[in-house]
Amino acid sequence: MGFFVPGHTIQNLKYYKYQSEDRSIVTKLFLKPFWNTFVHVFPKWMAPNLITLCGLGFILVNMIVTLYYDPTLDQSKPRWVYLGNAIGLFLYQTFDGCDGVHARRTGQSSPLGELFDHSIDAINTTLSAYIFCSTLEIGYSYKMIYSQFAVLTNFYLSTWEEYHTHVLFLSEISGPVEGLLAIIMAYLLTGIFGPDLIWHTTLTSFEIKGKFYQFDTSDSVLVIFTLGLIMNCYSARRNVVDHYKREANDLKLDYVINDAMKGLFPYVIYVMTVIALIYVESAFIGFPFILSIGSTVAFVVGRIIVNHLTKQDYPMYNISMFIPTAQLIMYFILISITSNYTKESIIVALAWLGCGLSLGIHGLFLNEIIYEFTTYLDVYALTIKHPKYV
């Protein structure tokens, strides 16, 4: 056995049972009927995980095109780029919705499928951040960091919640459904009317200590992100507390709830270390730094899912989360002891070093988990080994 699935814990996969609660009216009335029809596009010999991976391919194409026309994420692009982003994101959502339907259709539902689906969603969250922030034209800024963490925090909370309740909750208004549809609509409107009208229309202005500030439509998005984050924090905590009220006796109730809440501390500390790093030197904010944050959270979320599926303890310590702290320490050391390199070159080197480390750790994790799961379950990751057509 490997590092992330030690000993006999892999055997707990046999107790796997996927449970979800989707309260979205949009899903029930529109998306599920559409997915149940669209799924017939995929041949039965096609593995569900391959559908999930192909969906991510649309986001990769969108990101490459976006970065080609706007590497700094603060420039206008041809109208067709925004429209292409809308189409790509819609196809990603469609493929993501169809993979589960296709898995049941072909008799291929498995713990690997759940892990693969959530891991791809975690990767997409950061890749899509480049595209969305480019649409808002906010560049590599504090606003981008806030936007990224607002979305990643929601994803982390949902995974933490599923670990404890064993149920994936999607509320009446959720990110994977209404959130993605809202972003798709935003891309369409931007492509039709242009970014200046959609994102740079001043809504109000105000003065603070002699300085005038303008609040435009792009700033309103950050407000929406904040409200969504607050609602998700409340909902996730409520669902976990309600679960343990049903499962735990009165004597252990406070203990198990407090123990569950401890799982949020490592993430909060990680966010604080990132804030400390960019407060000391905002020049760290760039393509590799954003990718490093996304890869780190994707790795942590993946570990939570694996530990949930194999009934291990909650993963409180994850090495990738120490990368910002190491970067901050190395920054101060290198700035003080070397004069052969400029501050800018040191920052670039440390940013890419952190990116490489986070991607490497995440890659090692995925390689080990896919090997362990496919070996134990006797399945292939991207092809169907034992057809069980339903």
Foldseek 3Di string as FASTA:
>chain_A
DDDLQDDPLLVLQVVDDAAADAPAPCCVPPVVVVLLVVLVVDDLQWALLQLLVVLLVLLVVLLVVLCVQPVQLQDFDALVSLLSNLVSLVSSLSSLVNSVVSCVQFVNDGLLVVLSSLLSVLLSLLSVLSVLSSLLNPGLAPVSVLVSCLSLVLSLLQLLLCLQLVYRYHHNCHCSPNVSVVSSVLSNCCSVPNSCVQNVAFPDWDDDPRDIDTDTNVNVVSVVSVVVSVVSVVVSLVSNLVSCVVVPDPVCSVVVSVVSVLLCVLVVVLSVLVVVLCVVPVLLRHDLQSLLVSLQSSQLSSSSSVCSSSVHDRPNDDPLSCLSVVLSVVLVVCVPPDDPDDSNVSSVVSSNVSSVVSVVVSVVVVVVVQVSNCVVVVAHSTGGDDTDRD
